[in-house]
Each structure stands twice: as structure tokens, then as C-alpha cells.
Protein backbone atom coordinates (compact mmCIF):
# COMPACT_ATOMS: atom_id res chain seq x y z
CA MET A 1 -7.32 8.14 21.36
CA CYS A 2 -9.18 9.91 18.59
CA GLY A 3 -12.86 9.36 17.90
CA TRP A 4 -12.57 7.31 14.71
CA CYS A 5 -10.10 4.89 16.33
CA ALA A 6 -12.30 4.34 19.37
CA LYS A 7 -15.28 3.63 17.13
CA ALA A 8 -13.21 1.27 14.96
CA ARG A 9 -12.70 -1.15 17.81
CA ARG A 10 -16.32 -2.20 17.41
CA PRO A 11 -16.78 -4.85 14.67
CA SER A 12 -19.72 -3.09 13.04
CA SER A 13 -18.13 0.37 12.95
CA GLY A 14 -17.35 0.32 9.23
CA CYS A 15 -13.95 1.91 9.93
CA PRO A 16 -11.48 1.48 7.04
CA LEU A 17 -8.88 -1.26 7.48
CA LEU A 18 -5.64 -1.61 5.55
CA GLN A 19 -4.60 -5.19 4.84
CA ILE A 20 -0.83 -5.77 4.88
CA VAL A 21 0.27 -9.02 3.23
CA PRO A 22 2.88 -10.31 3.71
CA SER A 23 4.12 -8.79 6.93
CA LYS A 24 7.46 -9.37 8.64
CA SER A 25 6.02 -12.44 10.36
CA ASN A 26 4.42 -13.70 7.10
CA GLU A 27 0.98 -13.25 8.64
CA GLU A 28 -1.85 -11.01 7.54
CA ARG A 29 -2.07 -7.67 9.35
CA LEU A 30 -5.09 -5.40 9.48
CA LEU A 31 -4.40 -1.78 10.41
CA LEU A 32 -7.00 0.81 11.30
CA VAL A 33 -6.76 3.88 9.11
CA SER A 34 -8.30 7.29 9.54
CA PRO A 35 -10.94 8.41 7.04
CA GLU A 36 -8.44 10.99 5.74
CA LEU A 37 -5.78 8.36 5.05
CA ALA A 38 -8.39 6.09 3.46
CA SER A 39 -9.28 8.96 1.12
CA VAL A 40 -5.63 9.51 0.14
CA LEU A 41 -5.11 5.78 -0.48
CA ALA A 42 -8.28 5.64 -2.60
CA THR A 43 -6.94 8.55 -4.69
CA ILE A 44 -3.61 6.76 -5.22
CA ILE A 45 -5.42 3.54 -6.23
CA LYS A 46 -7.65 5.46 -8.65
CA ARG A 47 -4.63 7.13 -10.28
CA LEU A 48 -2.87 3.78 -10.65
CA ARG A 49 -5.95 2.20 -12.21
CA ASP A 50 -6.54 5.15 -14.53
CA ALA A 51 -2.92 4.97 -15.75
CA ASN A 52 -3.02 1.20 -16.27
CA GLY A 53 -6.27 0.42 -18.04
CA GLY A 54 -8.31 -0.07 -14.89
CA LYS A 55 -5.86 -2.41 -13.16
CA ILE A 56 -3.05 -2.05 -10.66
CA PRO A 57 0.06 -3.63 -12.19
CA LEU A 58 1.62 -6.64 -10.50
CA VAL A 59 5.30 -6.05 -9.83
CA ALA A 60 8.00 -8.17 -8.17
CA ARG A 61 10.06 -6.44 -5.47
CA TYR A 62 13.65 -7.27 -4.59
CA ASP A 63 14.14 -7.77 -0.84
CA SER A 64 17.67 -6.61 -0.05
CA HIS A 65 17.59 -8.19 3.42
CA GLU A 66 16.55 -11.65 2.21
CA ARG A 67 18.35 -11.18 -1.12
CA ILE A 68 15.45 -12.61 -3.09
CA THR A 69 12.90 -11.29 -5.52
CA GLY A 70 9.38 -11.72 -4.23
CA PRO A 71 6.26 -12.76 -6.14
CA LEU A 72 4.25 -10.46 -8.37
CA LEU A 73 2.02 -8.32 -6.13
CA PRO A 74 0.08 -5.06 -6.45
CA HIS A 75 2.09 -2.16 -4.99
CA LEU A 76 0.81 1.39 -4.51
CA PHE A 77 4.07 3.28 -4.87
CA LEU A 78 5.55 2.62 -8.29
CA ARG A 79 7.90 4.43 -10.60
CA ARG A 80 8.44 3.77 -14.32
CA PRO A 81 12.09 4.01 -15.30
CA TYR A 82 12.42 3.04 -18.97
CA GLY A 83 8.64 2.45 -19.12
CA GLN A 84 8.66 -0.60 -16.81
CA PRO A 85 6.89 -0.34 -13.43
CA GLN A 86 9.18 -0.80 -10.43
CA VAL A 87 8.41 -0.62 -6.73
CA MET A 88 9.69 2.58 -5.14
CA SER A 89 12.08 2.10 -2.26
CA GLU A 90 11.10 3.17 1.23
CA ALA A 91 13.73 5.93 1.02
CA ALA A 92 12.26 7.23 -2.27
CA VAL A 93 8.75 7.39 -0.82
CA LYS A 94 10.04 9.15 2.30
CA HIS A 95 12.03 11.62 0.19
CA ARG A 96 8.94 12.55 -1.82
CA LEU A 97 6.84 12.95 1.33
CA ASP A 98 9.46 15.20 2.93
């Protein structure tokens, strides 16, 4: 276990947490993140806010497994085909990371 993760197990550690809502079980999840990942996420959030007048746009995402469109939520990985923000698919994010 790395040092930041061991420290994060203590409530007062101040380690960054990533809140995942909703999760597969429709319950809130809190994930420990490294300081490096927290920095990358903060950069993505800043870019989204800068491009959208200080706000992260709320976008509905189609769930192909449930075959429903979910509620409007803030998403970090967006694309803008035809000027409208859409949530990037998992495959599209993975492709860009590769």
C-alpha cells in the first residue's frame, strides 16, 4: 500500500475523495484518490468551467443497459458534436487515454 492511501484511512488525513453518484447499487461511493489524480481531475474541472461560463454543464446520459435516459447531471468527460454537450462513452475515453 502506498503512503497516501495508508494515511487516507484516518478520518482527519485530508486525503482527496471522489464521490460517485449514482453507482451500480444506487448508493453513494467514496473512492480514495492519489494527489496526482486529484490534480488531474481539478484541471479537467477547471477547463470545463472555463469553457462554460464558470459552470459544469448538466447533461443527460443514455444508459444502453437499462435503455433509459438518466437525469441531468454534471459529467467530466464531454464532447460537443453540433455544439451540444454529450457524455463521452467509456470506449471513447479509453481510446483517448490509449
